Amino acid sequence: MELISYALDFSSFILQNIKEKEKIKSIILFGSAARGTADRESDIDIFIDVIENEKKLEKEIKTITGQFFNSMKFKNYWKPLGIENEINVIVGYLEKWKLKDSLPGSAVTLYQKYTMQLAGGKNNILLSWGAIQPNAKRVALNKKLFGHKHYKTIYKGLLEQYKGIKLGANVIIIPLEHLPVFEKIFRSYKIQVKIHRALFPDM
């Protein structure tokens, strides 16, 4: 149990210090620590399931991991207890992870993003907004949401990245769990957006 608590402290430290917490879906402890067979020489194996940009997040999480071992909680609490296990972090997409099928019964969920379940429907949500002025702001937002092509290079928009659907010029449907990402974008452009919680079909 001590090593699970140690892993929980580490996951909390990650969530407190990472810049884009909304891109973390879950943090999972696996391996010997999760099975209860680890000792003080064992590595602590953790998988962090992310929404996108796993390479960028992996780099940031590696830095934060180093900071954890210099933190007051580690130095003043865990180290005096003799718990200084190395932490091995894998960052990626859970659905594509080769060890995913071995997790049931042998893993501990340290953190999971809450997703509200709409009774009888899907976890999708509709966003709508009015006309945007000046035109430069409208173009910038559209590029961010829907993507754009520059010469021969195609840049994906957030809607494609997060598996949303465009219903109209100013109307989109997105998975509810990704709402914080889109709210952040609209706030950055100072655009009021209406959020409609209702039942929508599969996307």
Protein backbone atom coordinates (compact mmCIF):
# COMPACT_ATOMS: atom_id res chain seq x y z
CA MET A 1 0.00 0.00 0.00
CA GLU A 2 2.92 2.35 0.65
CA LEU A 3 4.02 2.18 -2.98
CA ILE A 4 0.48 2.84 -4.22
CA SER A 5 0.35 5.93 -1.97
CA TYR A 6 3.75 6.92 -3.35
CA ALA A 7 2.39 6.59 -6.90
CA LEU A 8 -0.69 8.63 -5.94
CA ASP A 9 1.50 11.43 -4.61
CA PHE A 10 3.48 11.38 -7.84
CA SER A 11 0.34 11.54 -10.02
CA SER A 12 -0.99 14.45 -7.94
CA PHE A 13 2.34 16.24 -8.42
CA ILE A 14 2.05 15.74 -12.20
CA LEU A 15 -1.49 17.14 -12.30
CA GLN A 16 -0.55 20.15 -10.16
CA ASN A 17 2.40 21.11 -12.33
CA ILE A 18 1.53 20.22 -15.91
CA LYS A 19 0.42 23.11 -18.12
CA GLU A 20 -2.34 21.30 -20.01
CA LYS A 21 -4.02 19.07 -17.46
CA GLU A 22 -7.10 18.85 -19.67
CA LYS A 23 -5.15 16.68 -22.12
CA ILE A 24 -4.66 13.92 -19.55
CA LYS A 25 -7.50 11.37 -19.59
CA SER A 26 -6.19 8.99 -16.95
CA ILE A 27 -3.13 7.91 -14.98
CA ILE A 28 -2.74 4.17 -14.43
CA LEU A 29 -0.39 2.25 -12.15
CA PHE A 30 0.56 -1.16 -13.54
CA GLY A 31 3.25 -3.78 -13.04
CA SER A 32 4.51 -5.16 -9.72
CA ALA A 33 3.48 -2.12 -7.65
CA ALA A 34 -0.14 -2.49 -8.79
CA ARG A 35 -0.07 -6.26 -8.17
CA GLY A 36 1.35 -5.77 -4.67
CA THR A 37 4.52 -7.75 -5.40
CA ALA A 38 6.98 -4.82 -5.62
CA ASP A 39 9.73 -4.10 -3.15
CA ARG A 40 11.81 -1.00 -2.53
CA GLU A 41 14.10 -1.86 -5.42
CA SER A 42 11.26 -2.12 -7.96
CA ASP A 43 10.45 0.53 -10.52
CA ILE A 44 7.02 2.15 -10.28
CA ASP A 45 5.38 1.72 -13.69
CA ILE A 46 2.83 4.36 -14.69
CA PHE A 47 0.90 4.85 -17.93
CA ILE A 48 -0.53 8.31 -18.69
CA ASP A 49 -3.35 8.23 -21.25
CA VAL A 50 -3.48 11.50 -23.19
CA ILE A 51 -5.71 13.08 -25.82
CA GLU A 52 -3.05 14.42 -28.18
CA ASN A 53 0.54 15.67 -28.53
CA GLU A 54 1.97 12.76 -26.58
CA LYS A 55 5.56 13.64 -27.53
CA LYS A 56 5.22 17.20 -26.22
CA LEU A 57 3.52 16.02 -23.03
CA GLU A 58 6.06 13.23 -22.60
CA LYS A 59 8.87 15.77 -22.59
CA GLU A 60 7.09 17.97 -20.04
CA ILE A 61 6.20 15.01 -17.81
CA LYS A 62 9.82 13.84 -17.86
CA THR A 63 10.85 17.27 -16.55
CA ILE A 64 8.15 17.23 -13.85
CA THR A 65 9.22 13.72 -12.81
CA GLY A 66 12.69 15.06 -12.09
CA GLN A 67 11.15 17.90 -10.09
CA PHE A 68 9.17 15.41 -8.00
CA PHE A 69 12.39 13.90 -6.63
CA ASN A 70 13.48 17.39 -5.57
CA SER A 71 10.12 18.27 -3.99
CA MET A 72 9.61 18.84 -0.27
CA LYS A 73 7.08 15.98 -0.09
CA PHE A 74 9.60 13.50 -1.48
CA LYS A 75 12.56 14.75 0.57
CA ASN A 76 10.69 15.21 3.85
CA TYR A 77 8.27 12.28 3.71
CA TRP A 78 9.09 9.50 1.28
CA LYS A 79 12.89 9.58 1.46
CA PRO A 80 12.99 9.30 5.29
CA LEU A 81 10.74 6.23 4.94
CA GLY A 82 13.30 4.68 2.63
CA ILE A 83 10.98 4.84 -0.37
CA GLU A 84 12.95 6.22 -3.29
CA ASN A 85 11.78 3.92 -6.10
CA GLU A 86 12.46 5.07 -9.63
CA ILE A 87 9.31 5.99 -11.55
CA ASN A 88 8.96 4.74 -15.12
CA VAL A 89 6.35 6.79 -17.01
CA ILE A 90 4.86 5.87 -20.38
CA VAL A 91 2.84 8.57 -22.16
CA GLY A 92 0.53 7.63 -25.01
CA TYR A 93 -2.91 6.57 -26.18
CA LEU A 94 -4.42 3.80 -24.06
CA GLU A 95 -6.40 2.35 -26.97
CA LYS A 96 -3.17 1.80 -28.92
CA TRP A 97 -1.05 0.59 -26.01
CA LYS A 98 0.14 -2.99 -26.48
CA LEU A 99 -0.29 -3.85 -22.78
CA LYS A 100 -3.87 -2.56 -22.58
CA ASP A 101 -5.46 -6.03 -22.64
CA SER A 102 -3.38 -7.15 -19.65
CA LEU A 103 -4.61 -4.31 -17.39
CA PRO A 104 -7.96 -5.63 -16.05
CA GLY A 105 -7.36 -7.01 -12.56
CA SER A 106 -3.70 -5.99 -12.51
CA ALA A 107 -3.77 -2.18 -12.58
CA VAL A 108 -4.78 0.70 -10.32
CA THR A 109 -6.36 3.88 -11.69
CA LEU A 110 -4.67 6.80 -9.94
CA TYR A 111 -6.60 9.50 -11.81
CA GLN A 112 -9.42 9.56 -14.34
CA LYS A 113 -11.11 12.55 -15.90
CA TYR A 114 -14.77 12.72 -14.91
CA THR A 115 -17.23 12.48 -17.78
CA MET A 116 -20.91 13.13 -17.17
CA GLN A 117 -23.16 10.44 -18.68
CA LEU A 118 -26.27 11.81 -20.31
CA ALA A 119 -29.10 9.39 -19.57
CA GLY A 120 -30.11 7.47 -22.67
CA GLY A 121 -27.70 9.34 -24.89
CA LYS A 122 -24.07 9.84 -25.77
CA ASN A 123 -21.41 11.99 -24.18
CA ASN A 124 -21.57 14.61 -26.93
CA ILE A 125 -22.30 18.31 -26.63
CA LEU A 126 -23.22 21.11 -29.04
CA LEU A 127 -21.43 24.47 -29.15
CA SER A 128 -22.72 27.50 -31.03
CA TRP A 129 -21.61 31.12 -31.33
CA GLY A 130 -22.63 34.29 -33.14
CA ALA A 131 -21.03 36.35 -35.89
CA ILE A 132 -17.41 37.27 -35.18
CA GLN A 133 -15.83 40.64 -35.81
CA PRO A 134 -13.33 41.70 -36.95
CA ASN A 135 -12.90 39.33 -39.87
CA ALA A 136 -9.30 38.54 -38.90
CA LYS A 137 -10.51 37.07 -35.60
CA ARG A 138 -13.10 34.93 -37.41
CA VAL A 139 -10.47 33.59 -39.82
CA ALA A 140 -8.04 32.83 -36.98
CA LEU A 141 -10.70 30.92 -35.01
CA ASN A 142 -11.81 28.96 -38.08
CA LYS A 143 -8.23 27.91 -38.77
CA LYS A 144 -7.85 26.79 -35.17
CA LEU A 145 -11.10 24.83 -35.16
CA PHE A 146 -11.34 23.50 -38.70
CA GLY A 147 -7.74 23.49 -39.87
CA HIS A 148 -6.25 25.03 -43.00
CA LYS A 149 -3.92 24.44 -45.90
CA HIS A 150 -0.73 26.43 -46.38
CA TYR A 151 0.89 25.76 -49.72
CA LYS A 152 0.98 21.94 -49.82
CA THR A 153 0.86 21.42 -46.06
CA ILE A 154 -2.46 20.58 -44.40
CA TYR A 155 -2.84 21.56 -40.74
CA LYS A 156 -5.53 19.69 -38.81
CA GLY A 157 -8.00 21.67 -36.75
CA LEU A 158 -9.07 20.90 -33.20
CA LEU A 159 -12.38 19.51 -34.42
CA GLU A 160 -10.66 16.73 -36.34
CA GLN A 161 -8.14 16.08 -33.58
CA TYR A 162 -10.86 15.69 -30.96
CA LYS A 163 -13.32 13.77 -33.17
CA GLY A 164 -15.95 16.49 -33.43
CA ILE A 165 -18.43 17.32 -36.21
CA LYS A 166 -19.14 20.63 -37.94
CA LEU A 167 -22.90 21.19 -38.32
CA GLY A 168 -22.72 24.74 -39.64
CA ALA A 169 -20.51 27.81 -39.90
CA ASN A 170 -20.85 28.48 -36.16
CA VAL A 171 -22.12 25.16 -34.81
CA ILE A 172 -20.15 22.07 -33.81
CA ILE A 173 -20.67 18.86 -31.82
CA ILE A 174 -17.81 17.56 -29.67
CA PRO A 175 -17.29 14.75 -27.13
CA LEU A 176 -18.16 16.16 -23.71
CA GLU A 177 -14.82 15.12 -22.20
CA HIS A 178 -13.03 17.56 -24.53
CA LEU A 179 -15.17 20.58 -23.61
CA PRO A 180 -12.41 22.25 -21.49
CA VAL A 181 -10.10 22.34 -24.53
CA PHE A 182 -12.67 24.18 -26.66
CA GLU A 183 -13.74 26.51 -23.84
CA LYS A 184 -10.10 27.54 -23.47
CA ILE A 185 -9.88 28.39 -27.19
CA PHE A 186 -13.04 30.51 -27.14
CA ARG A 187 -11.84 32.34 -24.03
CA SER A 188 -8.50 33.09 -25.69
CA TYR A 189 -10.35 34.78 -28.58
CA LYS A 190 -12.84 36.45 -26.18
CA ILE A 191 -15.79 34.87 -27.97
CA GLN A 192 -19.00 33.96 -26.15
CA VAL A 193 -20.07 30.41 -26.87
CA LYS A 194 -23.37 28.72 -26.02
CA ILE A 195 -23.18 25.21 -24.61
CA HIS A 196 -26.14 22.93 -25.28
CA ARG A 197 -26.33 19.79 -23.16
CA ALA A 198 -28.70 17.44 -24.91
CA LEU A 199 -28.83 14.03 -26.58
CA PHE A 200 -27.00 13.59 -29.86
CA PRO A 201 -26.31 10.54 -32.01
CA ASP A 202 -22.98 8.73 -32.34
CA MET A 203 -20.26 10.70 -34.08
